[in-house]
């Protein structure tokens, strides 16, 4: 069963850490057990619906971390290339200065 949009908004507001705590303290242990959200005129979602939402949020976080690591690697390689180029330009400058300064 799909989550009611109002439940989804409430879960987003709570955040994954608080939702884990909500599941930990919820009465009933089966995946079909209702989890009391105490929202007026909204039926309580099942434990499985909330667990599915939580897994989806964790996958989103993992994708975000993976993307950040990719960009961090790219930045690190660019920085290393920049240091090497700067060193080579410095060395070339020293060599040119030594050969053009004469005796």
PDB file of N, CA and C in Angstrom:
ATOM      1  N   UNK A   1       0.843  -1.178   0.000  1.00  0.00           N
ATOM      2  CA  UNK A   1       0.000   0.000   0.000  1.00  0.00           C
ATOM      3  C   UNK A   1       0.889   1.243   0.000  1.00  0.00           C
ATOM      4  N   UNK A   2       0.554   2.199  -0.814  1.00  0.00           N
ATOM      5  CA  UNK A   2       1.330   3.435  -0.893  1.00  0.00           C
ATOM      6  C   UNK A   2       1.040   4.304   0.325  1.00  0.00           C
ATOM      7  N   UNK A   3       2.050   5.041   0.732  1.00  0.00           N
ATOM      8  CA  UNK A   3       1.881   5.939   1.870  1.00  0.00           C
ATOM      9  C   UNK A   3       1.002   7.125   1.496  1.00  0.00           C
ATOM     10  N   UNK A   4       0.151   7.492   2.408  1.00  0.00           N
ATOM     11  CA  UNK A   4      -0.652   8.706   2.254  1.00  0.00           C
ATOM     12  C   UNK A   4       0.333   9.884   2.170  1.00  0.00           C
ATOM     13  N   UNK A   5       0.107  10.830   1.275  1.00  0.00           N
ATOM     14  CA  UNK A   5       1.037  11.971   1.152  1.00  0.00           C
ATOM     15  C   UNK A   5       1.225  12.727   2.467  1.00  0.00           C
ATOM     16  N   UNK A   6       0.192  12.772   3.298  1.00  0.00           N
ATOM     17  CA  UNK A   6       0.326  13.477   4.579  1.00  0.00           C
ATOM     18  C   UNK A   6       1.263  12.720   5.516  1.00  0.00           C
ATOM     19  N   UNK A   7       1.237  11.387   5.437  1.00  0.00           N
ATOM     20  CA  UNK A   7       2.165  10.576   6.234  1.00  0.00           C
ATOM     21  C   UNK A   7       3.586  10.802   5.722  1.00  0.00           C
ATOM     22  N   UNK A   8       3.745  10.814   4.400  1.00  0.00           N
ATOM     23  CA  UNK A   8       5.068  11.027   3.800  1.00  0.00           C
ATOM     24  C   UNK A   8       5.646  12.378   4.247  1.00  0.00           C
ATOM     25  N   UNK A   9       4.824  13.411   4.256  1.00  0.00           N
ATOM     26  CA  UNK A   9       5.271  14.737   4.698  1.00  0.00           C
ATOM     27  C   UNK A   9       5.701  14.682   6.166  1.00  0.00           C
ATOM     28  N   UNK A  10       4.938  13.992   6.977  1.00  0.00           N
ATOM     29  CA  UNK A  10       5.272  13.885   8.402  1.00  0.00           C
ATOM     30  C   UNK A  10       6.579  13.106   8.598  1.00  0.00           C
ATOM     31  N   UNK A  11       6.777  12.042   7.830  1.00  0.00           N
ATOM     32  CA  UNK A  11       8.016  11.278   7.932  1.00  0.00           C
ATOM     33  C   UNK A  11       9.213  12.137   7.512  1.00  0.00           C
ATOM     34  N   UNK A  12       9.049  12.906   6.454  1.00  0.00           N
ATOM     35  CA  UNK A  12      10.115  13.808   6.015  1.00  0.00           C
ATOM     36  C   UNK A  12      10.422  14.829   7.103  1.00  0.00           C
ATOM     37  N   UNK A  13       9.383  15.339   7.738  1.00  0.00           N
ATOM     38  CA  UNK A  13       9.575  16.326   8.807  1.00  0.00           C
ATOM     39  C   UNK A  13      10.339  15.708   9.979  1.00  0.00           C
ATOM     40  N   UNK A  14       9.996  14.472  10.327  1.00  0.00           N
ATOM     41  CA  UNK A  14      10.647  13.798  11.444  1.00  0.00           C
ATOM     42  C   UNK A  14      12.104  13.451  11.137  1.00  0.00           C
ATOM     43  N   UNK A  15      12.356  12.995   9.922  1.00  0.00           N
ATOM     44  CA  UNK A  15      13.707  12.583   9.536  1.00  0.00           C
ATOM     45  C   UNK A  15      13.956  11.125   9.874  1.00  0.00           C
ATOM     46  N   UNK A  16      14.922  10.504   9.204  1.00  0.00           N
ATOM     47  CA  UNK A  16      15.188   9.077   9.381  1.00  0.00           C
ATOM     48  C   UNK A  16      15.498   8.650  10.813  1.00  0.00           C
ATOM     49  N   UNK A  17      16.270   9.437  11.543  1.00  0.00           N
ATOM     50  CA  UNK A  17      16.615   9.055  12.915  1.00  0.00           C
ATOM     51  C   UNK A  17      15.391   8.953  13.811  1.00  0.00           C
ATOM     52  N   UNK A  18      14.512   9.946  13.730  1.00  0.00           N
ATOM     53  CA  UNK A  18      13.294   9.918  14.547  1.00  0.00           C
ATOM     54  C   UNK A  18      12.328   8.834  14.075  1.00  0.00           C
ATOM     55  N   UNK A  19      12.321   8.556  12.768  1.00  0.00           N
ATOM     56  CA  UNK A  19      11.438   7.501  12.260  1.00  0.00           C
ATOM     57  C   UNK A  19      11.917   6.140  12.765  1.00  0.00           C
ATOM     58  N   UNK A  20      13.241   5.931  12.812  1.00  0.00           N
ATOM     59  CA  UNK A  20      13.762   4.675  13.377  1.00  0.00           C
ATOM     60  C   UNK A  20      13.313   4.519  14.830  1.00  0.00           C
ATOM     61  N   UNK A  21      13.381   5.612  15.576  1.00  0.00           N
ATOM     62  CA  UNK A  21      12.949   5.576  16.978  1.00  0.00           C
ATOM     63  C   UNK A  21      11.445   5.307  17.074  1.00  0.00           C
ATOM     64  N   UNK A  22      10.681   5.894  16.169  1.00  0.00           N
ATOM     65  CA  UNK A  22       9.236   5.651  16.135  1.00  0.00           C
ATOM     66  C   UNK A  22       8.962   4.163  15.916  1.00  0.00           C
ATOM     67  N   UNK A  23       9.689   3.547  14.986  1.00  0.00           N
ATOM     68  CA  UNK A  23       9.511   2.112  14.732  1.00  0.00           C
ATOM     69  C   UNK A  23       9.952   1.290  15.943  1.00  0.00           C
ATOM     70  N   UNK A  24      11.030   1.715  16.588  1.00  0.00           N
ATOM     71  CA  UNK A  24      11.535   0.969  17.744  1.00  0.00           C
ATOM     72  C   UNK A  24      10.529   0.957  18.885  1.00  0.00           C
ATOM     73  N   UNK A  25       9.831   2.061  19.062  1.00  0.00           N
ATOM     74  CA  UNK A  25       8.898   2.165  20.188  1.00  0.00           C
ATOM     75  C   UNK A  25       7.460   1.803  19.817  1.00  0.00           C
ATOM     76  N   UNK A  26       7.217   1.493  18.541  1.00  0.00           N
ATOM     77  CA  UNK A  26       5.853   1.184  18.105  1.00  0.00           C
ATOM     78  C   UNK A  26       5.372  -0.130  18.714  1.00  0.00           C
ATOM     79  N   UNK A  27       4.074  -0.182  18.987  1.00  0.00           N
ATOM     80  CA  UNK A  27       3.454  -1.392  19.516  1.00  0.00           C
ATOM     81  C   UNK A  27       3.205  -2.335  18.340  1.00  0.00           C
ATOM     82  N   UNK A  28       3.523  -3.596  18.507  1.00  0.00           N
ATOM     83  CA  UNK A  28       3.334  -4.581  17.444  1.00  0.00           C
ATOM     84  C   UNK A  28       4.636  -4.803  16.697  1.00  0.00           C
ATOM     85  N   UNK A  29       4.890  -6.054  16.361  1.00  0.00           N
ATOM     86  CA  UNK A  29       6.173  -6.358  15.755  1.00  0.00           C
ATOM     87  C   UNK A  29       6.069  -6.827  14.305  1.00  0.00           C
ATOM     88  N   UNK A  30       4.896  -7.190  13.839  1.00  0.00           N
ATOM     89  CA  UNK A  30       4.764  -7.678  12.472  1.00  0.00           C
ATOM     90  C   UNK A  30       4.802  -6.550  11.460  1.00  0.00           C
ATOM     91  N   UNK A  31       5.117  -6.902  10.215  1.00  0.00           N
ATOM     92  CA  UNK A  31       5.178  -5.879   9.169  1.00  0.00           C
ATOM     93  C   UNK A  31       3.813  -5.275   8.883  1.00  0.00           C
ATOM     94  N   UNK A  32       2.760  -5.969   9.235  1.00  0.00           N
ATOM     95  CA  UNK A  32       1.418  -5.429   8.993  1.00  0.00           C
ATOM     96  C   UNK A  32       0.866  -4.663  10.196  1.00  0.00           C
ATOM     97  N   UNK A  33       1.656  -4.560  11.265  1.00  0.00           N
ATOM     98  CA  UNK A  33       1.206  -3.843  12.459  1.00  0.00           C
ATOM     99  C   UNK A  33       1.106  -2.347  12.161  1.00  0.00           C
ATOM    100  N   UNK A  34       0.024  -1.706  12.591  1.00  0.00           N
ATOM    101  CA  UNK A  34      -0.093  -0.259  12.372  1.00  0.00           C
ATOM    102  C   UNK A  34       0.854   0.507  13.293  1.00  0.00           C
ATOM    103  N   UNK A  35       1.353   1.623  12.788  1.00  0.00           N
ATOM    104  CA  UNK A  35       2.223   2.495  13.579  1.00  0.00           C
ATOM    105  C   UNK A  35       1.457   3.794  13.806  1.00  0.00           C
ATOM    106  N   UNK A  36       1.219   4.111  15.065  1.00  0.00           N
ATOM    107  CA  UNK A  36       0.429   5.296  15.405  1.00  0.00           C
ATOM    108  C   UNK A  36       1.189   6.566  15.055  1.00  0.00           C
ATOM    109  N   UNK A  37       0.650   7.328  14.113  1.00  0.00           N
ATOM    110  CA  UNK A  37       1.256   8.601  13.712  1.00  0.00           C
ATOM    111  C   UNK A  37       0.513   9.778  14.335  1.00  0.00           C
ATOM    112  N   UNK A  38      -0.682   9.545  14.826  1.00  0.00           N
ATOM    113  CA  UNK A  38      -1.497  10.544  15.509  1.00  0.00           C
ATOM    114  C   UNK A  38      -1.743  11.781  14.652  1.00  0.00           C
ATOM    115  N   UNK A  39      -2.017  11.546  13.374  1.00  0.00           N
ATOM    116  CA  UNK A  39      -2.406  12.638  12.490  1.00  0.00           C
ATOM    117  C   UNK A  39      -3.921  12.586  12.326  1.00  0.00           C
ATOM    118  N   UNK A  40      -4.613  13.703  12.494  1.00  0.00           N
ATOM    119  CA  UNK A  40      -6.070  13.688  12.406  1.00  0.00           C
ATOM    120  C   UNK A  40      -6.546  13.321  10.995  1.00  0.00           C
ATOM    121  N   UNK A  41      -7.539  12.451  10.948  1.00  0.00           N
ATOM    122  CA  UNK A  41      -8.208  12.019   9.715  1.00  0.00           C
ATOM    123  C   UNK A  41      -7.258  11.333   8.735  1.00  0.00           C
ATOM    124  N   UNK A  42      -6.172  10.757   9.246  1.00  0.00           N
ATOM    125  CA  UNK A  42      -5.241  10.011   8.391  1.00  0.00           C
ATOM    126  C   UNK A  42      -5.079   8.626   9.002  1.00  0.00           C
ATOM    127  N   UNK A  43      -5.344   7.582   8.222  1.00  0.00           N
ATOM    128  CA  UNK A  43      -5.174   6.237   8.776  1.00  0.00           C
ATOM    129  C   UNK A  43      -3.696   5.954   9.075  1.00  0.00           C
ATOM    130  N   UNK A  44      -3.468   5.247  10.164  1.00  0.00           N
ATOM    131  CA  UNK A  44      -2.095   4.913  10.537  1.00  0.00           C
ATOM    132  C   UNK A  44      -1.475   3.993   9.487  1.00  0.00           C
ATOM    133  N   UNK A  45      -0.232   4.249   9.114  1.00  0.00           N
ATOM    134  CA  UNK A  45       0.438   3.387   8.134  1.00  0.00           C
ATOM    135  C   UNK A  45       0.893   2.089   8.789  1.00  0.00           C
ATOM    136  N   UNK A  46       1.203   1.109   7.967  1.00  0.00           N
ATOM    137  CA  UNK A  46       1.725  -0.145   8.515  1.00  0.00           C
ATOM    138  C   UNK A  46       3.231  -0.010   8.719  1.00  0.00           C
ATOM    139  N   UNK A  47       3.734  -0.880   9.539  1.00  0.00           N
ATOM    140  CA  UNK A  47       5.175  -0.899   9.813  1.00  0.00           C
ATOM    141  C   UNK A  47       5.964  -1.106   8.515  1.00  0.00           C
ATOM    142  N   UNK A  48       5.466  -1.952   7.626  1.00  0.00           N
ATOM    143  CA  UNK A  48       6.183  -2.222   6.377  1.00  0.00           C
ATOM    144  C   UNK A  48       6.247  -0.980   5.492  1.00  0.00           C
ATOM    145  N   UNK A  49       5.169  -0.178   5.463  1.00  0.00           N
ATOM    146  CA  UNK A  49       5.186   1.051   4.668  1.00  0.00           C
ATOM    147  C   UNK A  49       6.270   2.009   5.175  1.00  0.00           C
ATOM    148  N   UNK A  50       6.368   2.131   6.477  1.00  0.00           N
ATOM    149  CA  UNK A  50       7.354   3.037   7.055  1.00  0.00           C
ATOM    150  C   UNK A  50       8.766   2.479   6.853  1.00  0.00           C
ATOM    151  N   UNK A  51       8.930   1.168   6.999  1.00  0.00           N
ATOM    152  CA  UNK A  51      10.242   0.560   6.759  1.00  0.00           C
ATOM    153  C   UNK A  51      10.670   0.754   5.308  1.00  0.00           C
ATOM    154  N   UNK A  52       9.725   0.635   4.377  1.00  0.00           N
ATOM    155  CA  UNK A  52      10.033   0.865   2.955  1.00  0.00           C
ATOM    156  C   UNK A  52      10.464   2.306   2.718  1.00  0.00           C
ATOM    157  N   UNK A  53       9.774   3.258   3.349  1.00  0.00           N
ATOM    158  CA  UNK A  53      10.146   4.671   3.220  1.00  0.00           C
ATOM    159  C   UNK A  53      11.561   4.888   3.760  1.00  0.00           C
ATOM    160  N   UNK A  54      11.842   4.271   4.904  1.00  0.00           N
ATOM    161  CA  UNK A  54      13.144   4.428   5.535  1.00  0.00           C
ATOM    162  C   UNK A  54      14.257   3.855   4.658  1.00  0.00           C
ATOM    163  N   UNK A  55      14.025   2.689   4.048  1.00  0.00           N
ATOM    164  CA  UNK A  55      15.013   2.098   3.140  1.00  0.00           C
ATOM    165  C   UNK A  55      15.255   3.002   1.933  1.00  0.00           C
ATOM    166  N   UNK A  56      14.189   3.590   1.402  1.00  0.00           N
ATOM    167  CA  UNK A  56      14.326   4.498   0.257  1.00  0.00           C
ATOM    168  C   UNK A  56      15.159   5.716   0.648  1.00  0.00           C
ATOM    169  N   UNK A  57      14.947   6.260   1.832  1.00  0.00           N
ATOM    170  CA  UNK A  57      15.726   7.411   2.297  1.00  0.00           C
ATOM    171  C   UNK A  57      17.197   7.032   2.452  1.00  0.00           C
ATOM    172  N   UNK A  58      17.467   5.837   2.958  1.00  0.00           N
ATOM    173  CA  UNK A  58      18.844   5.390   3.122  1.00  0.00           C
ATOM    174  C   UNK A  58      19.531   5.243   1.763  1.00  0.00           C
ATOM    175  N   UNK A  59      18.807   4.736   0.759  1.00  0.00           N
ATOM    176  CA  UNK A  59      19.373   4.622  -0.594  1.00  0.00           C
ATOM    177  C   UNK A  59      19.678   6.005  -1.164  1.00  0.00           C
ATOM    178  N   UNK A  60      18.785   6.971  -0.929  1.00  0.00           N
ATOM    179  CA  UNK A  60      19.024   8.345  -1.390  1.00  0.00           C
ATOM    180  C   UNK A  60      20.295   8.907  -0.760  1.00  0.00           C
ATOM    181  N   UNK A  61      20.462   8.663   0.524  1.00  0.00           N
ATOM    182  CA  UNK A  61      21.636   9.154   1.239  1.00  0.00           C
ATOM    183  C   UNK A  61      22.901   8.514   0.688  1.00  0.00           C
ATOM    184  N   UNK A  62      22.846   7.200   0.441  1.00  0.00           N
ATOM    185  CA  UNK A  62      24.011   6.504  -0.105  1.00  0.00           C
ATOM    186  C   UNK A  62      24.379   7.040  -1.480  1.00  0.00           C
ATOM    187  N   UNK A  63      23.376   7.323  -2.321  1.00  0.00           N
ATOM    188  CA  UNK A  63      23.657   7.886  -3.644  1.00  0.00           C
ATOM    189  C   UNK A  63      24.295   9.268  -3.511  1.00  0.00           C
ATOM    190  N   UNK A  64      23.804  10.061  -2.577  1.00  0.00           N
ATOM    191  CA  UNK A  64      24.369  11.392  -2.357  1.00  0.00           C
ATOM    192  C   UNK A  64      25.807  11.322  -1.885  1.00  0.00           C
ATOM    193  N   UNK A  65      26.101  10.385  -0.989  1.00  0.00           N
ATOM    194  CA  UNK A  65      27.465  10.222  -0.498  1.00  0.00           C
ATOM    195  C   UNK A  65      28.370   9.752  -1.632  1.00  0.00           C
ATOM    196  N   UNK A  66      27.871   8.828  -2.453  1.00  0.00           N
ATOM    197  CA  UNK A  66      28.661   8.345  -3.589  1.00  0.00           C
ATOM    198  C   UNK A  66      28.989   9.469  -4.560  1.00  0.00           C
ATOM    199  N   UNK A  67      28.025  10.334  -4.837  1.00  0.00           N
ATOM    200  CA  UNK A  67      28.257  11.459  -5.736  1.00  0.00           C
ATOM    201  C   UNK A  67      29.270  12.426  -5.132  1.00  0.00           C
ATOM    202  N   UNK A  68      29.162  12.681  -3.842  1.00  0.00           N
ATOM    203  CA  UNK A  68      30.105  13.586  -3.182  1.00  0.00           C
ATOM    204  C   UNK A  68      31.521  13.012  -3.222  1.00  0.00           C
ATOM    205  N   UNK A  69      31.656  11.705  -3.022  1.00  0.00           N
ATOM    206  CA  UNK A  69      32.973  11.083  -3.073  1.00  0.00           C
ATOM    207  C   UNK A  69      33.567  11.152  -4.475  1.00  0.00           C
ATOM    208  N   UNK A  70      32.733  10.990  -5.484  1.00  0.00           N
ATOM    209  CA  UNK A  70      33.215  11.093  -6.861  1.00  0.00           C
ATOM    210  C   UNK A  70      33.773  12.481  -7.118  1.00  0.00           C
ATOM    211  N   UNK A  71      33.041  13.524  -6.714  1.00  0.00           N
ATOM    212  CA  UNK A  71      33.521  14.889  -6.921  1.00  0.00           C
ATOM    213  C   UNK A  71      34.750  15.177  -6.072  1.00  0.00           C
ATOM    214  N   UNK A  72      34.846  14.582  -4.893  1.00  0.00           N
ATOM    215  CA  UNK A  72      36.032  14.771  -4.058  1.00  0.00           C
ATOM    216  C   UNK A  72      37.255  14.149  -4.734  1.00  0.00           C
ATOM    217  N   UNK A  73      37.078  12.985  -5.346  1.00  0.00           N
ATOM    218  CA  UNK A  73      38.186  12.357  -6.076  1.00  0.00           C
ATOM    219  C   UNK A  73      38.618  13.229  -7.256  1.00  0.00           C
ATOM    220  N   UNK A  74      37.655  13.749  -7.991  1.00  0.00           N
ATOM    221  CA  UNK A  74      37.966  14.614  -9.132  1.00  0.00           C
ATOM    222  C   UNK A  74      38.745  15.847  -8.657  1.00  0.00           C
ATOM    223  N   UNK A  75      38.299  16.444  -7.557  1.00  0.00           N
ATOM    224  CA  UNK A  75      38.982  17.622  -7.019  1.00  0.00           C
ATOM    225  C   UNK A  75      40.400  17.274  -6.565  1.00  0.00           C
ATOM    226  N   UNK A  76      40.571  16.110  -5.969  1.00  0.00           N
ATOM    227  CA  UNK A  76      41.900  15.698  -5.512  1.00  0.00           C
ATOM    228  C   UNK A  76      42.847  15.520  -6.691  1.00  0.00           C
ATOM    229  N   UNK A  77      42.383  14.877  -7.753  1.00  0.00           N
ATOM    230  CA  UNK A  77      43.218  14.691  -8.940  1.00  0.00           C
ATOM    231  C   UNK A  77      43.563  16.045  -9.557  1.00  0.00           C
ATOM    232  N   UNK A  78      42.592  16.944  -9.638  1.00  0.00           N
ATOM    233  CA  UNK A  78      42.855  18.277 -10.191  1.00  0.00           C
ATOM    234  C   UNK A  78      43.883  19.021  -9.342  1.00  0.00           C
ATOM    235  N   UNK A  79      43.799  18.892  -8.028  1.00  0.00           N
ATOM    236  CA  UNK A  79      44.759  19.557  -7.150  1.00  0.00           C
ATOM    237  C   UNK A  79      46.159  18.992  -7.347  1.00  0.00           C
ATOM    238  N   UNK A  80      46.266  17.680  -7.471  1.00  0.00           N
ATOM    239  CA  UNK A  80      47.576  17.061  -7.697  1.00  0.00           C
ATOM    240  C   UNK A  80      48.166  17.528  -9.023  1.00  0.00           C
ATOM    241  N   UNK A  81      47.350  17.552 -10.059  1.00  0.00           N
ATOM    242  CA  UNK A  81      47.818  18.033 -11.361  1.00  0.00           C
ATOM    243  C   UNK A  81      48.261  19.494 -11.253  1.00  0.00           C
ATOM    244  N   UNK A  82      47.521  20.292 -10.526  1.00  0.00           N
ATOM    245  CA  UNK A  82      47.881  21.696 -10.331  1.00  0.00           C
ATOM    246  C   UNK A  82      49.220  21.850  -9.629  1.00  0.00           C
ATOM    247  N   UNK A  83      49.478  21.047  -8.613  1.00  0.00           N
ATOM    248  CA  UNK A  83      50.753  21.102  -7.892  1.00  0.00           C
ATOM    249  C   UNK A  83      51.894  20.703  -8.817  1.00  0.00           C
ATOM    250  N   UNK A  84      51.698  19.656  -9.604  1.00  0.00           N
ATOM    251  CA  UNK A  84      52.744  19.194 -10.520  1.00  0.00           C
ATOM    252  C   UNK A  84      53.041  20.263 -11.570  1.00  0.00           C
ATOM    253  N   UNK A  85      52.001  20.835 -12.154  1.00  0.00           N
ATOM    254  CA  UNK A  85      52.199  21.879 -13.169  1.00  0.00           C
ATOM    255  C   UNK A  85      52.909  23.076 -12.563  1.00  0.00           C
ATOM    256  N   UNK A  86      52.516  23.481 -11.374  1.00  0.00           N
ATOM    257  CA  UNK A  86      53.154  24.615 -10.712  1.00  0.00           C
ATOM    258  C   UNK A  86      54.638  24.329 -10.458  1.00  0.00           C
ATOM    259  N   UNK A  87      54.950  23.121 -10.004  1.00  0.00           N
ATOM    260  CA  UNK A  87      56.349  22.746  -9.767  1.00  0.00           C
ATOM    261  C   UNK A  87      57.141  22.768 -11.069  1.00  0.00           C
ATOM    262  N   UNK A  88      56.570  22.235 -12.140  1.00  0.00           N
ATOM    263  CA  UNK A  88      57.271  22.216 -13.429  1.00  0.00           C
ATOM    264  C   UNK A  88      57.511  23.630 -13.956  1.00  0.00           C
ATOM    265  N   UNK A  89      56.534  24.505 -13.805  1.00  0.00           N
ATOM    266  CA  UNK A  89      56.710  25.892 -14.235  1.00  0.00           C
ATOM    267  C   UNK A  89      57.800  26.569 -13.404  1.00  0.00           C
ATOM    268  N   UNK A  90      57.818  26.301 -12.133  1.00  0.00           N
ATOM    269  CA  UNK A  90      58.864  26.857 -11.270  1.00  0.00           C
ATOM    270  C   UNK A  90      60.249  26.369 -11.667  1.00  0.00           C
ATOM    271  N   UNK A  91      60.364  25.079 -11.911  1.00  0.00           N
ATOM    272  CA  UNK A  91      61.649  24.505 -12.330  1.00  0.00           C
ATOM    273  C   UNK A  91      62.065  25.092 -13.681  1.00  0.00           C
ATOM    274  N   UNK A  92      61.117  25.199 -14.615  1.00  0.00           N
ATOM    275  CA  UNK A  92      61.429  25.782 -15.931  1.00  0.00           C
ATOM    276  C   UNK A  92      61.893  27.223 -15.770  1.00  0.00           C
ATOM    277  N   UNK A  93      61.286  27.961 -14.887  1.00  0.00           N
ATOM    278  CA  UNK A  93      61.695  29.343 -14.638  1.00  0.00           C
ATOM    279  C   UNK A  93      63.111  29.421 -14.108  1.00  0.00           C
ATOM    280  N   UNK A  94      63.467  28.530 -13.212  1.00  0.00           N
ATOM    281  CA  UNK A  94      64.829  28.499 -12.655  1.00  0.00           C
ATOM    282  C   UNK A  94      65.832  28.168 -13.755  1.00  0.00           C
ATOM    283  N   UNK A  95      65.514  27.159 -14.569  1.00  0.00           N
ATOM    284  CA  UNK A  95      66.414  26.749 -15.653  1.00  0.00           C
ATOM    285  C   UNK A  95      66.602  27.899 -16.636  1.00  0.00           C
ATOM    286  N   UNK A  96      65.539  28.555 -17.050  1.00  0.00           N
ATOM    287  CA  UNK A  96      65.630  29.666 -17.992  1.00  0.00           C
ATOM    288  C   UNK A  96      66.469  30.789 -17.378  1.00  0.00           C
ATOM    289  N   UNK A  97      66.284  31.082 -16.128  1.00  0.00           N
ATOM    290  CA  UNK A  97      67.031  32.137 -15.461  1.00  0.00           C
ATOM    291  C   UNK A  97      68.532  31.798 -15.416  1.00  0.00           C
ATOM    292  N   UNK A  98      68.855  30.549 -15.127  1.00  0.00           N
ATOM    293  CA  UNK A  98      70.259  30.150 -15.061  1.00  0.00           C
ATOM    294  C   UNK A  98      70.923  30.248 -16.430  1.00  0.00           C
ATOM    295  N   UNK A  99      70.250  29.842 -17.493  1.00  0.00           N
ATOM    296  CA  UNK A  99      70.849  29.859 -18.827  1.00  0.00           C
ATOM    297  C   UNK A  99      70.903  31.270 -19.445  1.00  0.00           C
ATOM    298  N   UNK A 100      70.015  32.126 -19.068  1.00  0.00           N
ATOM    299  CA  UNK A 100      70.004  33.471 -19.664  1.00  0.00           C
ATOM    300  C   UNK A 100      70.775  34.502 -18.855  1.00  0.00           C
ATOM    301  N   UNK A 101      71.140  34.177 -17.646  1.00  0.00           N
ATOM    302  CA  UNK A 101      71.834  35.151 -16.804  1.00  0.00           C
ATOM    303  C   UNK A 101      73.280  35.316 -17.227  1.00  0.00           C
ATOM    304  N   UNK A 102      73.872  34.311 -17.844  1.00  0.00           N
ATOM    305  CA  UNK A 102      75.231  34.390 -18.341  1.00  0.00           C
ATOM    306  C   UNK A 102      76.253  34.453 -17.221  1.00  0.00           C
ATOM    307  N   UNK A 103      77.546  34.501 -17.624  1.00  0.00           N
ATOM    308  CA  UNK A 103      78.623  34.532 -16.627  1.00  0.00           C
ATOM    309  C   UNK A 103      78.855  35.874 -15.996  1.00  0.00           C
TER     310      UNK A 103
END
